[in-house]
Protein backbone atom coordinates (compact mmCIF):
# COMPACT_ATOMS: atom_id res chain seq x y z
CA MET A 1 0.00 0.00 0.00
CA SER A 2 1.49 3.32 -1.04
CA THR A 3 1.38 6.57 0.86
CA PRO A 4 -1.10 9.10 -0.59
CA VAL A 5 0.35 12.00 -2.54
CA SER A 6 0.15 15.26 -0.59
CA LYS A 7 -0.94 18.60 -2.01
CA HIS A 8 2.56 19.91 -1.21
CA GLN A 9 4.14 17.22 -3.40
CA ILE A 10 1.82 18.12 -6.29
CA GLN A 11 2.53 21.83 -5.79
CA ALA A 12 6.26 21.10 -5.90
CA LEU A 13 5.85 19.28 -9.22
CA LEU A 14 3.73 22.15 -10.55
CA HIS A 15 6.25 24.83 -9.57
CA MET A 16 9.20 22.79 -10.81
CA SER A 17 7.49 22.19 -14.16
CA ALA A 18 6.74 25.92 -14.53
CA SER A 19 10.21 27.12 -13.48
CA PRO A 20 12.93 28.00 -16.00
CA ASP A 21 15.25 25.15 -15.01
CA GLY A 22 12.83 22.70 -13.36
CA ARG A 23 14.76 22.56 -10.09
CA LEU A 24 14.14 22.95 -6.38
CA ILE A 25 16.76 25.18 -4.78
CA PRO A 26 17.62 24.77 -1.06
CA GLN A 27 17.33 27.91 1.08
CA ARG A 28 18.56 28.65 4.58
CA GLY A 29 16.25 27.34 7.28
CA GLY A 30 15.05 24.18 5.52
CA TYR A 31 13.01 25.86 2.79
CA TRP A 32 13.14 24.72 -0.82
CA THR A 33 11.84 26.86 -3.66
CA VAL A 34 12.27 27.38 -7.38
CA ARG A 35 14.67 29.81 -9.00
CA GLY A 36 13.22 33.30 -9.42
CA MET A 37 10.52 32.94 -6.73
CA GLU A 38 9.77 36.29 -5.11
CA SER A 39 9.97 36.81 -1.35
CA LYS A 40 6.96 37.34 0.91
CA PRO A 41 6.54 40.48 2.98
CA SER A 42 7.98 39.39 6.31
CA ARG A 43 5.35 40.63 8.80
CA GLY A 44 7.93 40.26 11.52
CA PHE A 45 9.09 36.78 10.46
CA THR A 46 12.17 36.05 8.45
CA GLY A 47 13.98 32.85 7.68
CA LEU A 48 17.22 31.75 9.28
CA GLY A 49 19.79 34.52 9.35
CA GLY A 50 17.22 37.22 8.60
CA THR A 51 16.61 36.09 5.02
CA PRO A 52 13.05 36.66 3.78
CA ARG A 53 10.90 33.61 3.16
CA PRO A 54 10.05 32.79 -0.46
CA ALA A 55 6.43 33.39 -1.51
CA TRP A 56 6.17 29.64 -2.22
CA TYR A 57 8.27 26.89 -0.67
CA VAL A 58 8.23 23.31 0.54
CA THR A 59 10.09 21.88 3.49
CA THR A 60 12.87 19.31 3.47
CA LEU A 61 10.32 16.65 4.50
CA THR A 62 8.44 17.16 1.22
CA VAL A 63 11.67 17.02 -0.79
CA ARG A 64 12.57 13.72 0.92
CA ALA A 65 9.10 12.34 0.11
CA LEU A 66 9.59 13.31 -3.55
CA GLU A 67 12.96 11.54 -3.53
CA ARG A 68 11.43 8.37 -2.07
CA ARG A 69 8.89 8.37 -4.91
CA GLN A 70 11.83 8.93 -7.32
CA TRP A 71 10.13 12.04 -8.70
CA VAL A 72 13.19 14.22 -8.03
CA GLU A 73 16.90 13.53 -7.89
CA ARG A 74 20.06 15.39 -7.00
CA ALA A 75 21.30 17.73 -9.70
CA ARG A 76 24.89 17.19 -8.52
CA VAL A 77 25.69 20.90 -8.60
CA VAL A 78 27.49 20.73 -5.23
CA ALA A 79 29.05 17.80 -3.38
CA GLU A 80 26.96 18.01 -0.19
CA PRO A 81 23.52 16.36 -0.61
CA TRP A 82 21.81 18.79 1.78
CA GLN A 83 22.95 21.77 -0.31
CA ASP A 84 22.38 20.25 -3.73
CA GLU A 85 19.53 21.28 -6.01
CA ARG A 86 16.91 18.71 -6.98
CA GLN A 87 15.65 18.18 -10.51
CA LEU A 88 12.58 16.44 -11.90
CA THR A 89 13.01 12.88 -13.08
CA GLU A 90 11.11 11.31 -15.95
CA LYS A 91 8.98 9.56 -13.31
CA GLY A 92 8.21 12.96 -11.74
CA ARG A 93 7.20 14.44 -15.09
CA GLU A 94 4.89 11.48 -15.70
CA ALA A 95 3.34 11.84 -12.23
CA TYR A 96 2.70 15.52 -12.92
CA LYS A 97 1.11 14.77 -16.30
CA GLN A 98 -1.05 12.09 -14.67
CA HIS A 99 -2.17 14.58 -12.03
CA LEU A 100 -3.19 17.06 -14.74
CA LEU A 101 -5.21 14.37 -16.51
CA THR A 102 -7.02 13.14 -13.40
CA ARG A 103 -7.56 16.61 -11.94
CA ASP A 104 -9.76 17.66 -14.85
CA ASN A 105 -11.76 14.43 -14.81
CA THR A 106 -12.37 14.15 -11.06
CA PRO A 107 -16.01 14.74 -10.09
CA LYS A 108 -16.47 17.63 -7.70
CA GLU A 109 -18.12 16.90 -4.37
CA SER A 110 -21.12 19.07 -3.57
């Protein structure tokens, strides 16, 4: 029995597919976002070291879940796994396409 796909995992696939390079970029404080994502107004909260939070992000837990599903893999830009970018795999692209197909055909609950 497989673990259900979370909305955060689907959002990550969506943002990665729409980004220029299709990668998740690690940020300070355990946030992962896509290249070019704007920052949120802080409202008194900033990320680790005073860096502003991205407007959209996922946590390391979501990235690890995507890796377990083999939907993302290391881009091998840097040697340390915790600092390395993640890129979509073919399996991840297929999962995203499948989500788009089923999303439009799913009956809405009233």
